Amino acid sequence: MSPAGSAMLGRRFLMAGLPLRRVAHLLQRGWEAMSIYLPVLLMGLLALATYWMVQRTPAPAEPAPLLQPRGHELSFFMRGAVIRNYDPSGRLQTELSGTEIRHYGGDKSLEVDQPRLLTQAPDAPITRARAQRALVQDDGEQLQLTGQAVVVREAWQQADGRLRPRLELRGEHLIIGARGQWLRAPQPAVLVSGQDRFSA
């Protein structure tokens, strides 16, 4: 406001019977009262603007559903991998390694190239196996070995003191039960037990 305008405003207030000092005091008190509520007013305006923006923003697109593998479809593979299982006390029970391990999500099976298996338990002999390929189903109850399969159960002493001889089973298709507790040969195989040799 120009000096002439402020002088004119002062003359008007003086004409109204209010001294200029009193007018300045009233203006100052009015500004102080308004400055107390100014942050609340600004926050309200900000909240209204935010609400308006949320109402105008489009909803996010629905994510694409995850595809479940069907049948015998490859989920993932690992090269040079080792799978180990331990008992509750931390003792190694089984170890399966291979040049490549493939997991199929549909039937939850594993295929292993050049598998090497080691099983051991406190009350059973150490069993080792190798082949060109292995297949493990989801339940893990059996391991199927194909292609020049060899399963060796080391000699061990039973609880009654009797010594069981080393046992070796060779064939093109061998099946090992959970933790090497049983062996099966659905195709011709050779069994070597100590000094004895059987083929069937």
C-alpha atoms as a PDB file:
ATOM      1  CA  MET A   1       0.000   0.000   0.000  1.00  0.00           C
ATOM      2  CA  SER A   2       1.321   3.419  -0.891  1.00  0.00           C
ATOM      3  CA  PRO A   3       2.024   6.015   1.813  1.00  0.00           C
ATOM      4  CA  ALA A   4      -0.853   8.096   0.497  1.00  0.00           C
ATOM      5  CA  GLY A   5      -3.194   5.098   0.731  1.00  0.00           C
ATOM      6  CA  SER A   6      -2.126   4.278   4.286  1.00  0.00           C
ATOM      7  CA  ALA A   7      -2.564   7.892   5.286  1.00  0.00           C
ATOM      8  CA  MET A   8      -6.033   7.867   3.785  1.00  0.00           C
ATOM      9  CA  LEU A   9      -6.890   4.622   5.645  1.00  0.00           C
ATOM     10  CA  GLY A  10      -5.590   6.168   8.864  1.00  0.00           C
ATOM     11  CA  ARG A  11      -7.792   9.250   8.316  1.00  0.00           C
ATOM     12  CA  ARG A  12     -10.856   7.047   7.801  1.00  0.00           C
ATOM     13  CA  PHE A  13     -10.222   5.174  11.056  1.00  0.00           C
ATOM     14  CA  LEU A  14      -9.615   8.446  12.827  1.00  0.00           C
ATOM     15  CA  MET A  15     -12.900   9.730  11.461  1.00  0.00           C
ATOM     16  CA  ALA A  16     -14.564   6.598  12.775  1.00  0.00           C
ATOM     17  CA  GLY A  17     -13.259   7.517  16.183  1.00  0.00           C
ATOM     18  CA  LEU A  18     -10.566   4.844  16.380  1.00  0.00           C
ATOM     19  CA  PRO A  19      -6.982   5.887  16.928  1.00  0.00           C
ATOM     20  CA  LEU A  20      -4.425   4.459  14.536  1.00  0.00           C
ATOM     21  CA  ARG A  21      -2.643   2.626  17.347  1.00  0.00           C
ATOM     22  CA  ARG A  22      -5.840   0.871  18.289  1.00  0.00           C
ATOM     23  CA  VAL A  23      -6.424  -0.169  14.671  1.00  0.00           C
ATOM     24  CA  ALA A  24      -2.888  -1.621  14.445  1.00  0.00           C
ATOM     25  CA  HIS A  25      -3.467  -3.487  17.693  1.00  0.00           C
ATOM     26  CA  LEU A  26      -6.754  -4.961  16.393  1.00  0.00           C
ATOM     27  CA  LEU A  27      -5.102  -6.022  13.138  1.00  0.00           C
ATOM     28  CA  GLN A  28      -2.224  -7.639  15.028  1.00  0.00           C
ATOM     29  CA  ARG A  29      -4.607  -9.589  17.315  1.00  0.00           C
ATOM     30  CA  GLY A  30      -6.644 -10.707  14.316  1.00  0.00           C
ATOM     31  CA  TRP A  31      -3.503 -11.976  12.568  1.00  0.00           C
ATOM     32  CA  GLU A  32      -2.363 -13.818  15.722  1.00  0.00           C
ATOM     33  CA  ALA A  33      -5.775 -15.483  16.104  1.00  0.00           C
ATOM     34  CA  MET A  34      -5.757 -16.516  12.460  1.00  0.00           C
ATOM     35  CA  SER A  35      -2.162 -17.819  12.615  1.00  0.00           C
ATOM     36  CA  ILE A  36      -3.166 -20.236  15.402  1.00  0.00           C
ATOM     37  CA  TYR A  37      -5.677 -21.947  13.102  1.00  0.00           C
ATOM     38  CA  LEU A  38      -3.645 -21.636   9.906  1.00  0.00           C
ATOM     39  CA  PRO A  39      -1.801 -25.031  10.330  1.00  0.00           C
ATOM     40  CA  VAL A  40      -5.117 -26.796  10.999  1.00  0.00           C
ATOM     41  CA  LEU A  41      -6.616 -25.154   7.922  1.00  0.00           C
ATOM     42  CA  LEU A  42      -3.632 -26.144   5.757  1.00  0.00           C
ATOM     43  CA  MET A  43      -3.738 -29.752   7.043  1.00  0.00           C
ATOM     44  CA  GLY A  44      -7.435 -29.938   6.213  1.00  0.00           C
ATOM     45  CA  LEU A  45      -6.803 -28.671   2.696  1.00  0.00           C
ATOM     46  CA  LEU A  46      -3.969 -31.214   2.289  1.00  0.00           C
ATOM     47  CA  ALA A  47      -6.226 -34.060   3.493  1.00  0.00           C
ATOM     48  CA  LEU A  48      -8.942 -33.034   1.030  1.00  0.00           C
ATOM     49  CA  ALA A  49      -6.426 -32.913  -1.829  1.00  0.00           C
ATOM     50  CA  THR A  50      -5.092 -36.359  -0.890  1.00  0.00           C
ATOM     51  CA  TYR A  51      -8.616 -37.812  -0.708  1.00  0.00           C
ATOM     52  CA  TRP A  52      -9.428 -36.339  -4.125  1.00  0.00           C
ATOM     53  CA  MET A  53      -6.226 -37.822  -5.630  1.00  0.00           C
ATOM     54  CA  VAL A  54      -6.960 -41.278  -4.181  1.00  0.00           C
ATOM     55  CA  GLN A  55     -10.469 -41.185  -5.654  1.00  0.00           C
ATOM     56  CA  ARG A  56      -9.111 -40.237  -9.082  1.00  0.00           C
ATOM     57  CA  THR A  57      -6.233 -42.801  -9.143  1.00  0.00           C
ATOM     58  CA  PRO A  58      -7.068 -45.999 -11.100  1.00  0.00           C
ATOM     59  CA  ALA A  59      -7.003 -49.314  -9.196  1.00  0.00           C
ATOM     60  CA  PRO A  60      -3.845 -51.440  -9.641  1.00  0.00           C
ATOM     61  CA  ALA A  61      -4.039 -54.257 -12.151  1.00  0.00           C
ATOM     62  CA  GLU A  62      -4.570 -57.763 -10.794  1.00  0.00           C
ATOM     63  CA  PRO A  63      -1.335 -59.801 -10.775  1.00  0.00           C
ATOM     64  CA  ALA A  64      -1.218 -62.715 -13.175  1.00  0.00           C
ATOM     65  CA  PRO A  65      -1.921 -66.024 -11.411  1.00  0.00           C
ATOM     66  CA  LEU A  66       1.081 -68.272 -10.851  1.00  0.00           C
ATOM     67  CA  LEU A  67       1.122 -71.161 -13.249  1.00  0.00           C
ATOM     68  CA  GLN A  68       1.311 -74.548 -11.574  1.00  0.00           C
ATOM     69  CA  PRO A  69       3.455 -77.024 -13.469  1.00  0.00           C
ATOM     70  CA  ARG A  70       1.463 -79.899 -14.904  1.00  0.00           C
ATOM     71  CA  GLY A  71       2.576 -83.417 -15.573  1.00  0.00           C
ATOM     72  CA  HIS A  72       6.274 -83.967 -16.060  1.00  0.00           C
ATOM     73  CA  GLU A  73       7.344 -80.343 -16.649  1.00  0.00           C
ATOM     74  CA  LEU A  74      10.762 -79.156 -15.511  1.00  0.00           C
ATOM     75  CA  SER A  75      10.627 -76.740 -12.561  1.00  0.00           C
ATOM     76  CA  PHE A  76      14.340 -76.174 -11.979  1.00  0.00           C
ATOM     77  CA  PHE A  77      17.707 -77.871 -12.303  1.00  0.00           C
ATOM     78  CA  MET A  78      21.014 -77.790 -10.420  1.00  0.00           C
ATOM     79  CA  ARG A  79      24.454 -78.764 -11.615  1.00  0.00           C
ATOM     80  CA  GLY A  80      26.968 -80.376  -9.281  1.00  0.00           C
ATOM     81  CA  ALA A  81      24.418 -80.419  -6.470  1.00  0.00           C
ATOM     82  CA  VAL A  82      24.361 -82.488  -3.287  1.00  0.00           C
ATOM     83  CA  ILE A  83      21.210 -83.278  -1.288  1.00  0.00           C
ATOM     84  CA  ARG A  84      21.730 -84.346   2.333  1.00  0.00           C
ATOM     85  CA  ASN A  85      19.242 -85.583   4.947  1.00  0.00           C
ATOM     86  CA  TYR A  86      20.034 -85.583   8.667  1.00  0.00           C
ATOM     87  CA  ASP A  87      18.349 -87.229  11.644  1.00  0.00           C
ATOM     88  CA  PRO A  88      17.131 -85.093  14.598  1.00  0.00           C
ATOM     89  CA  SER A  89      20.507 -85.441  16.355  1.00  0.00           C
ATOM     90  CA  GLY A  90      22.312 -83.980  13.313  1.00  0.00           C
ATOM     91  CA  ARG A  91      23.787 -87.259  12.071  1.00  0.00           C
ATOM     92  CA  LEU A  92      23.956 -87.698   8.286  1.00  0.00           C
ATOM     93  CA  GLN A  93      21.418 -90.266   7.025  1.00  0.00           C
ATOM     94  CA  THR A  94      21.525 -89.944   3.236  1.00  0.00           C
ATOM     95  CA  GLU A  95      23.563 -88.035   0.700  1.00  0.00           C
ATOM     96  CA  LEU A  96      22.623 -87.881  -2.989  1.00  0.00           C
ATOM     97  CA  SER A  97      24.842 -86.084  -5.492  1.00  0.00           C
ATOM     98  CA  GLY A  98      24.936 -85.883  -9.270  1.00  0.00           C
ATOM     99  CA  THR A  99      26.298 -83.955 -12.211  1.00  0.00           C
ATOM    100  CA  GLU A 100      22.802 -82.545 -12.774  1.00  0.00           C
ATOM    101  CA  ILE A 101      19.625 -82.787 -10.700  1.00  0.00           C
ATOM    102  CA  ARG A 102      16.290 -81.857 -12.317  1.00  0.00           C
ATOM    103  CA  HIS A 103      13.084 -81.233 -10.360  1.00  0.00           C
ATOM    104  CA  TYR A 104       9.690 -81.763 -12.020  1.00  0.00           C
ATOM    105  CA  GLY A 105       6.938 -79.824 -10.265  1.00  0.00           C
ATOM    106  CA  GLY A 106       3.906 -81.652 -11.657  1.00  0.00           C
ATOM    107  CA  ASP A 107       4.715 -85.077 -10.228  1.00  0.00           C
ATOM    108  CA  LYS A 108       7.309 -83.737  -7.730  1.00  0.00           C
ATOM    109  CA  SER A 109      10.048 -86.073  -8.843  1.00  0.00           C
ATOM    110  CA  LEU A 110      13.812 -85.719  -9.188  1.00  0.00           C
ATOM    111  CA  GLU A 111      15.973 -86.990 -12.027  1.00  0.00           C
ATOM    112  CA  VAL A 112      19.704 -87.240 -11.369  1.00  0.00           C
ATOM    113  CA  ASP A 113      22.493 -87.724 -13.922  1.00  0.00           C
ATOM    114  CA  GLN A 114      25.529 -89.749 -12.733  1.00  0.00           C
ATOM    115  CA  PRO A 115      24.030 -90.220  -9.246  1.00  0.00           C
ATOM    116  CA  ARG A 116      26.089 -91.142  -6.207  1.00  0.00           C
ATOM    117  CA  LEU A 117      24.174 -92.237  -3.109  1.00  0.00           C
ATOM    118  CA  LEU A 118      25.366 -92.806   0.446  1.00  0.00           C
ATOM    119  CA  THR A 119      23.037 -94.012   3.217  1.00  0.00           C
ATOM    120  CA  GLN A 120      23.928 -94.808   6.792  1.00  0.00           C
ATOM    121  CA  ALA A 121      22.052 -95.471  10.004  1.00  0.00           C
ATOM    122  CA  PRO A 122      23.228 -96.513  13.482  1.00  0.00           C
ATOM    123  CA  ASP A 123      21.578 -99.956  13.223  1.00  0.00           C
ATOM    124  CA  ALA A 124      22.235-100.640   9.517  1.00  0.00           C
ATOM    125  CA  PRO A 125      25.265-100.973   7.225  1.00  0.00           C
ATOM    126  CA  ILE A 126      26.605 -98.172   5.064  1.00  0.00           C
ATOM    127  CA  THR A 127      25.148 -98.445   1.563  1.00  0.00           C
ATOM    128  CA  ARG A 128      26.653 -96.806  -1.514  1.00  0.00           C
ATOM    129  CA  ALA A 129      25.146 -96.699  -4.999  1.00  0.00           C
ATOM    130  CA  ARG A 130      25.984 -95.309  -8.428  1.00  0.00           C
ATOM    131  CA  ALA A 131      24.481 -95.432 -11.918  1.00  0.00           C
ATOM    132  CA  GLN A 132      24.067 -93.390 -15.068  1.00  0.00           C
ATOM    133  CA  ARG A 133      20.671 -92.038 -14.047  1.00  0.00           C
ATOM    134  CA  ALA A 134      18.382 -92.045 -11.005  1.00  0.00           C
ATOM    135  CA  LEU A 135      14.729 -91.204 -10.402  1.00  0.00           C
ATOM    136  CA  VAL A 136      13.334 -90.244  -6.991  1.00  0.00           C
ATOM    137  CA  GLN A 137       9.581 -89.841  -6.474  1.00  0.00           C
ATOM    138  CA  ASP A 138       8.043 -87.203  -4.181  1.00  0.00           C
ATOM    139  CA  ASP A 139       7.632 -89.492  -1.182  1.00  0.00           C
ATOM    140  CA  GLY A 140      11.362 -90.369  -1.265  1.00  0.00           C
ATOM    141  CA  GLU A 141      10.607 -93.977  -0.329  1.00  0.00           C
ATOM    142  CA  GLN A 142      12.603 -95.423  -3.194  1.00  0.00           C
ATOM    143  CA  LEU A 143      15.356 -94.551  -5.621  1.00  0.00           C
ATOM    144  CA  GLN A 144      15.369 -96.122  -9.090  1.00  0.00           C
ATOM    145  CA  LEU A 145      18.801 -96.531 -10.677  1.00  0.00           C
ATOM    146  CA  THR A 146      19.204 -97.209 -14.406  1.00  0.00           C
ATOM    147  CA  GLY A 147      22.253 -97.788 -16.586  1.00  0.00           C
ATOM    148  CA  GLN A 148      25.135 -99.821 -15.146  1.00  0.00           C
ATOM    149  CA  ALA A 149      23.750 -99.528 -11.634  1.00  0.00           C
ATOM    150  CA  VAL A 150      25.834-100.774  -8.702  1.00  0.00           C
ATOM    151  CA  VAL A 151      24.685-100.943  -5.073  1.00  0.00           C
ATOM    152  CA  VAL A 152      27.184-101.922  -2.370  1.00  0.00           C
ATOM    153  CA  ARG A 153      26.189-102.680   1.213  1.00  0.00           C
ATOM    154  CA  GLU A 154      29.314-102.744   3.361  1.00  0.00           C
ATOM    155  CA  ALA A 155      30.042-105.604   5.779  1.00  0.00           C
ATOM    156  CA  TRP A 156      28.659-104.966   9.241  1.00  0.00           C
ATOM    157  CA  GLN A 157      28.191-106.576  12.600  1.00  0.00           C
ATOM    158  CA  GLN A 158      24.678-107.187  13.843  1.00  0.00           C
ATOM    159  CA  ALA A 159      23.547-106.506  17.395  1.00  0.00           C
ATOM    160  CA  ASP A 160      23.853-110.228  18.221  1.00  0.00           C
ATOM    161  CA  GLY A 161      27.526-110.186  17.177  1.00  0.00           C
ATOM    162  CA  ARG A 162      27.168-111.982  13.829  1.00  0.00           C
ATOM    163  CA  LEU A 163      29.160-110.488  10.956  1.00  0.00           C
ATOM    164  CA  ARG A 164      27.238-109.866   7.735  1.00  0.00           C
ATOM    165  CA  PRO A 165      29.395-109.971   4.572  1.00  0.00           C
ATOM    166  CA  ARG A 166      29.731-107.214   2.011  1.00  0.00           C
ATOM    167  CA  LEU A 167      26.908-107.339  -0.512  1.00  0.00           C
ATOM    168  CA  GLU A 168      27.117-106.003  -4.083  1.00  0.00           C
ATOM    169  CA  LEU A 169      24.249-105.883  -6.566  1.00  0.00           C
ATOM    170  CA  ARG A 170      24.811-105.000 -10.251  1.00  0.00           C
ATOM    171  CA  GLY A 171      22.232-104.547 -12.990  1.00  0.00           C
ATOM    172  CA  GLU A 172      20.686-102.209 -15.550  1.00  0.00           C
ATOM    173  CA  HIS A 173      17.716-101.354 -13.330  1.00  0.00           C
ATOM    174  CA  LEU A 174      17.898-101.460  -9.522  1.00  0.00           C
ATOM    175  CA  ILE A 175      15.549-100.053  -6.904  1.00  0.00           C
ATOM    176  CA  ILE A 176      16.717 -99.038  -3.430  1.00  0.00           C
ATOM    177  CA  GLY A 177      14.254 -98.640  -0.544  1.00  0.00           C
ATOM    178  CA  ALA A 178      14.262 -95.797   1.944  1.00  0.00           C
ATOM    179  CA  ARG A 179      17.704 -95.406   3.587  1.00  0.00           C
ATOM    180  CA  GLY A 180      18.964 -98.538   1.808  1.00  0.00           C
ATOM    181  CA  GLN A 181      16.903-100.957   3.916  1.00  0.00           C
ATOM    182  CA  TRP A 182      15.928-103.110   0.910  1.00  0.00           C
ATOM    183  CA  LEU A 183      17.028-103.709  -2.685  1.00  0.00           C
ATOM    184  CA  ARG A 184      15.095-104.947  -5.689  1.00  0.00           C
ATOM    185  CA  ALA A 185      16.157-105.859  -9.237  1.00  0.00           C
ATOM    186  CA  PRO A 186      13.229-106.021 -11.698  1.00  0.00           C
ATOM    187  CA  GLN A 187      15.652-106.884 -14.543  1.00  0.00           C
ATOM    188  CA  PRO A 188      18.541-109.401 -14.747  1.00  0.00           C
ATOM    189  CA  ALA A 189      21.149-108.681 -12.070  1.00  0.00           C
ATOM    190  CA  VAL A 190      24.271-110.121 -10.457  1.00  0.00           C
ATOM    191  CA  LEU A 191      24.537-110.417  -6.679  1.00  0.00           C
ATOM    192  CA  VAL A 192      27.898-110.916  -4.967  1.00  0.00           C
ATOM    193  CA  SER A 193      27.773-111.766  -1.254  1.00  0.00           C
ATOM    194  CA  GLY A 194      31.152-112.482   0.275  1.00  0.00           C
ATOM    195  CA  GLN A 195      32.626-115.345  -1.811  1.00  0.00           C
ATOM    196  CA  ASP A 196      29.247-116.224  -3.386  1.00  0.00           C
ATOM    197  CA  ARG A 197      28.046-114.969  -6.766  1.00  0.00           C
ATOM    198  CA  PHE A 198      24.456-115.230  -8.016  1.00  0.00           C
ATOM    199  CA  SER A 199      22.886-114.115 -11.270  1.00  0.00           C
ATOM    200  CA  ALA A 200      19.211-114.137 -12.131  1.00  0.00           C
END
